[in-house]
Amino acid sequence: MMKNLALAGTSVLMSFVLVACSHQSTARRAQPQTVYSDYDTAINGRFALFVDTAAMARDPEFKWSGCDAYTIKLSADVAMRETLLATLKKIVRDSDLVEAPIAPSDLAAAGFDGMIVVEIDEYSVEVDASSAWISTDLTADAELQLSYKVDVAGGRRSGASFIEAAGSHTGPLGVMCSGAGEVAAGAVEKAMASIAAKASERISNSSRLRDEFRTSPTTD
């Protein structure tokens, strides 16, 4: 009986230690940046948007030895999808997120004129002390790379890869490195805003895609 109680107590203690050493945070949807386009009108179509964020399951890394005992759990996949959607809506008539890519032949039946598939190819976040000496601040650096393709009923109309962006954010260290999660989230949010604008700029300036929608779209 005493042995079982001791084991239970140890289990609770270990669970507490694991939680205490892990700083959790959630990135917010980034404010859409200005999209620089050669055209003064939006693409006149309704697009489905699917974003593969599997690469964003990777946790941020501490580079400063002063935080070696801690880990960061940062959720950013939802914010990435929402940031891309909000930015895309600046350059197309309408767009909605979908849970899976839609085949070109099924787009009209689903109420869409086009399918945009975005894949997050690379994602990394590093958190370091802001100073090599005694520091009360942390700085996070985030890097993102994506590729995309745009299909319509008649086939591929646009696509690009190796679109990259970075973001940096500095904030308070906090007690037991507790500020790390918010600092990491801040860096990721800046990188997301930048890469969403870059991808939207490529899509907006695609002459083949623009040619496809010079006439009225197939959906209302």
Protein backbone atom coordinates (compact mmCIF):
# COMPACT_ATOMS: atom_id res chain seq x y z
CA MET A 1 0.00 0.00 0.00
CA MET A 2 2.75 2.44 1.04
CA LYS A 3 4.73 1.47 -2.08
CA ASN A 4 1.75 2.25 -4.30
CA LEU A 5 1.26 5.61 -2.60
CA ALA A 6 4.93 6.40 -3.05
CA LEU A 7 4.78 5.52 -6.75
CA ALA A 8 1.66 7.64 -7.20
CA GLY A 9 3.31 10.56 -5.47
CA THR A 10 6.40 10.24 -7.66
CA SER A 11 4.22 10.16 -10.78
CA VAL A 12 2.40 13.34 -9.76
CA LEU A 13 5.70 15.04 -8.96
CA MET A 14 7.22 14.09 -12.31
CA SER A 15 4.11 15.35 -14.13
CA PHE A 16 4.40 18.65 -12.27
CA VAL A 17 8.08 18.97 -13.15
CA LEU A 18 7.43 18.26 -16.83
CA VAL A 19 4.66 20.87 -16.97
CA ALA A 20 6.70 23.39 -15.00
CA CYS A 21 9.66 23.04 -17.40
CA SER A 22 7.55 23.51 -20.53
CA HIS A 23 6.43 26.99 -21.59
CA GLN A 24 3.36 26.89 -23.82
CA SER A 25 2.14 29.63 -26.12
CA THR A 26 -0.12 30.10 -29.13
CA ALA A 27 0.69 32.36 -32.06
CA ARG A 28 -2.03 34.77 -33.12
CA ARG A 29 -3.19 35.50 -36.64
CA ALA A 30 -0.84 38.14 -38.01
CA GLN A 31 -2.18 41.42 -39.33
CA PRO A 32 -2.07 41.20 -43.14
CA GLN A 33 0.70 43.25 -44.70
CA THR A 34 0.39 45.34 -47.84
CA VAL A 35 0.47 43.17 -50.96
CA TYR A 36 2.32 44.84 -53.82
CA SER A 37 0.51 44.05 -57.05
CA ASP A 38 0.85 45.23 -60.63
CA TYR A 39 -2.95 45.20 -60.82
CA ASP A 40 -5.40 47.57 -59.16
CA THR A 41 -8.23 45.03 -58.94
CA ALA A 42 -8.66 41.71 -57.16
CA ILE A 43 -8.74 38.45 -59.10
CA ASN A 44 -12.44 37.95 -59.83
CA GLY A 45 -12.85 34.43 -58.51
CA ARG A 46 -13.69 32.42 -55.41
CA PHE A 47 -10.82 30.21 -54.26
CA ALA A 48 -10.54 27.26 -51.91
CA LEU A 49 -7.40 27.40 -49.75
CA PHE A 50 -5.69 24.35 -48.27
CA VAL A 51 -2.57 24.83 -46.13
CA ASP A 52 -0.34 21.90 -45.19
CA THR A 53 1.25 22.91 -41.88
CA ALA A 54 2.72 19.52 -40.89
CA ALA A 55 6.23 21.01 -40.84
CA MET A 56 5.16 23.43 -38.10
CA ALA A 57 4.89 20.65 -35.51
CA ARG A 58 8.56 21.28 -34.70
CA ASP A 59 9.16 22.96 -31.32
CA PRO A 60 11.24 26.15 -30.95
CA GLU A 61 14.80 25.64 -29.69
CA PHE A 62 16.69 27.41 -26.93
CA LYS A 63 20.18 28.50 -27.98
CA TRP A 64 21.06 30.07 -24.62
CA SER A 65 22.38 27.68 -21.98
CA GLY A 66 20.59 29.64 -19.25
CA CYS A 67 17.30 28.11 -20.44
CA ASP A 68 18.58 24.58 -21.06
CA ALA A 69 16.23 23.11 -18.45
CA TYR A 70 13.13 24.35 -20.25
CA THR A 71 11.26 23.61 -23.46
CA ILE A 72 8.84 25.68 -25.56
CA LYS A 73 5.58 24.33 -26.92
CA LEU A 74 4.30 26.75 -29.54
CA SER A 75 1.08 26.23 -31.49
CA ALA A 76 1.20 28.18 -34.75
CA ASP A 77 -0.53 26.06 -37.40
CA VAL A 78 -3.99 27.62 -37.01
CA ALA A 79 -2.51 31.13 -37.05
CA MET A 80 -0.58 30.28 -40.23
CA ARG A 81 -3.72 29.19 -42.04
CA GLU A 82 -5.70 32.21 -40.84
CA THR A 83 -2.91 34.63 -41.76
CA LEU A 84 -2.67 33.24 -45.28
CA LEU A 85 -6.45 33.39 -45.70
CA ALA A 86 -6.73 36.98 -44.45
CA THR A 87 -3.91 38.12 -46.76
CA LEU A 88 -5.22 36.20 -49.75
CA LYS A 89 -8.59 37.91 -49.39
CA LYS A 90 -6.86 41.17 -50.23
CA ILE A 91 -6.11 39.97 -53.78
CA VAL A 92 -9.05 37.68 -54.73
CA ARG A 93 -12.81 38.22 -54.72
CA ASP A 94 -13.34 35.60 -52.04
CA SER A 95 -11.62 32.62 -50.42
CA ASP A 96 -12.35 29.98 -47.80
CA LEU A 97 -10.24 27.38 -46.01
CA VAL A 98 -10.91 23.74 -46.83
CA GLU A 99 -9.77 20.59 -45.01
CA ALA A 100 -8.36 18.87 -48.11
CA PRO A 101 -7.47 19.85 -51.69
CA ILE A 102 -10.34 19.75 -54.17
CA ALA A 103 -9.79 18.19 -57.58
CA PRO A 104 -10.04 20.69 -60.46
CA SER A 105 -12.98 18.80 -61.92
CA ASP A 106 -14.91 19.14 -58.64
CA LEU A 107 -14.32 22.86 -58.01
CA ALA A 108 -17.49 24.18 -59.62
CA ALA A 109 -19.69 21.69 -57.75
CA ALA A 110 -18.05 22.79 -54.50
CA GLY A 111 -18.73 26.44 -55.28
CA PHE A 112 -15.19 27.49 -56.16
CA ASP A 113 -13.40 28.83 -59.22
CA GLY A 114 -9.91 27.80 -58.17
CA MET A 115 -7.88 25.75 -55.69
CA ILE A 116 -4.84 27.17 -53.89
CA VAL A 117 -2.64 24.63 -52.11
CA VAL A 118 0.10 25.97 -49.84
CA GLU A 119 2.73 23.73 -48.28
CA ILE A 120 4.94 24.91 -45.44
CA ASP A 121 8.25 23.33 -46.46
CA GLU A 122 10.57 24.66 -43.75
CA TYR A 123 9.93 26.06 -40.27
CA SER A 124 12.33 26.86 -37.45
CA VAL A 125 12.36 29.06 -34.36
CA GLU A 126 15.42 29.74 -32.22
CA VAL A 127 15.35 31.60 -28.90
CA ASP A 128 18.53 33.14 -27.52
CA ALA A 129 19.63 35.64 -24.90
CA SER A 130 19.65 39.21 -26.21
CA SER A 131 23.09 39.77 -24.72
CA ALA A 132 26.16 37.56 -24.35
CA TRP A 133 26.44 38.77 -20.76
CA ILE A 134 23.80 38.94 -18.05
CA SER A 135 20.50 39.29 -19.91
CA THR A 136 16.93 40.10 -18.87
CA ASP A 137 15.63 39.75 -22.42
CA LEU A 138 15.24 36.97 -24.96
CA THR A 139 15.27 37.29 -28.76
CA ALA A 140 13.57 34.79 -31.06
CA ASP A 141 14.30 34.33 -34.75
CA ALA A 142 11.77 32.50 -36.92
CA GLU A 143 12.22 31.28 -40.50
CA LEU A 144 9.56 29.99 -42.89
CA GLN A 145 9.65 28.60 -46.40
CA LEU A 146 6.63 27.63 -48.50
CA SER A 147 5.54 26.54 -51.94
CA TYR A 148 2.15 26.92 -53.57
CA LYS A 149 0.14 25.96 -56.62
CA VAL A 150 -3.08 27.34 -58.05
CA ASP A 151 -5.38 25.13 -60.13
CA VAL A 152 -8.60 25.90 -61.98
CA ALA A 153 -10.94 23.55 -63.84
CA GLY A 154 -8.65 23.75 -66.86
CA GLY A 155 -5.46 22.87 -64.95
CA ARG A 156 -2.48 24.61 -63.31
CA ARG A 157 -2.36 28.39 -63.67
CA SER A 158 0.26 29.45 -61.14
CA GLY A 159 2.86 28.00 -58.80
CA ALA A 160 6.08 28.83 -57.01
CA SER A 161 8.49 27.35 -54.48
CA PHE A 162 11.26 28.53 -52.15
CA ILE A 163 9.31 31.56 -50.94
CA GLU A 164 11.05 32.54 -47.71
CA ALA A 165 10.51 34.95 -44.84
CA ALA A 166 11.94 35.61 -41.41
CA GLY A 167 10.82 37.35 -38.26
CA SER A 168 12.55 38.50 -35.08
CA HIS A 169 11.09 39.50 -31.74
CA THR A 170 12.57 40.53 -28.38
CA GLY A 171 10.84 40.38 -25.02
CA PRO A 172 11.39 39.88 -21.28
CA LEU A 173 13.12 36.72 -20.07
CA GLY A 174 10.60 36.21 -17.26
CA VAL A 175 10.91 33.95 -14.23
CA MET A 176 12.44 30.58 -15.19
CA CYS A 177 12.50 31.65 -18.86
CA SER A 178 8.70 31.98 -18.79
CA GLY A 179 8.77 34.76 -21.40
CA ALA A 180 10.13 32.42 -24.05
CA GLY A 181 6.76 31.32 -25.40
CA GLU A 182 5.52 34.85 -26.10
CA VAL A 183 8.85 35.87 -27.60
CA ALA A 184 8.80 32.87 -29.94
CA ALA A 185 5.18 33.57 -30.90
CA GLY A 186 6.04 37.18 -31.71
CA ALA A 187 8.81 36.14 -34.10
CA VAL A 188 6.61 33.57 -35.82
CA GLU A 189 3.77 36.07 -36.26
CA LYS A 190 6.12 38.48 -38.05
CA ALA A 191 7.44 35.72 -40.31
CA MET A 192 3.89 34.58 -41.11
CA ALA A 193 2.78 38.10 -42.06
CA SER A 194 5.77 38.50 -44.36
CA ILE A 195 5.53 35.15 -46.12
CA ALA A 196 1.76 35.47 -46.61
CA ALA A 197 2.28 38.82 -48.33
CA LYS A 198 5.05 37.42 -50.55
CA ALA A 199 2.95 34.45 -51.65
CA SER A 200 -0.11 36.64 -52.26
CA GLU A 201 2.01 39.01 -54.34
CA ARG A 202 3.14 36.14 -56.58
CA ILE A 203 -0.44 34.95 -57.00
CA SER A 204 -1.81 38.42 -57.69
CA ASN A 205 0.83 39.11 -60.35
CA SER A 206 0.36 35.81 -62.21
CA SER A 207 -0.54 36.79 -65.78
CA ARG A 208 -1.86 33.29 -66.55
CA LEU A 209 -4.18 33.41 -63.56
CA ARG A 210 -5.29 36.93 -64.42
CA ASP A 211 -6.06 35.87 -67.98
CA GLU A 212 -8.22 33.04 -66.64
CA PHE A 213 -10.48 35.51 -64.82
CA ARG A 214 -10.77 38.33 -67.33
CA THR A 215 -14.32 37.09 -68.00
CA SER A 216 -17.01 36.43 -65.39
CA PRO A 217 -16.22 33.65 -62.87
CA THR A 218 -18.12 30.39 -62.99
CA THR A 219 -19.49 30.74 -59.44
CA ASP A 220 -21.52 33.44 -57.74
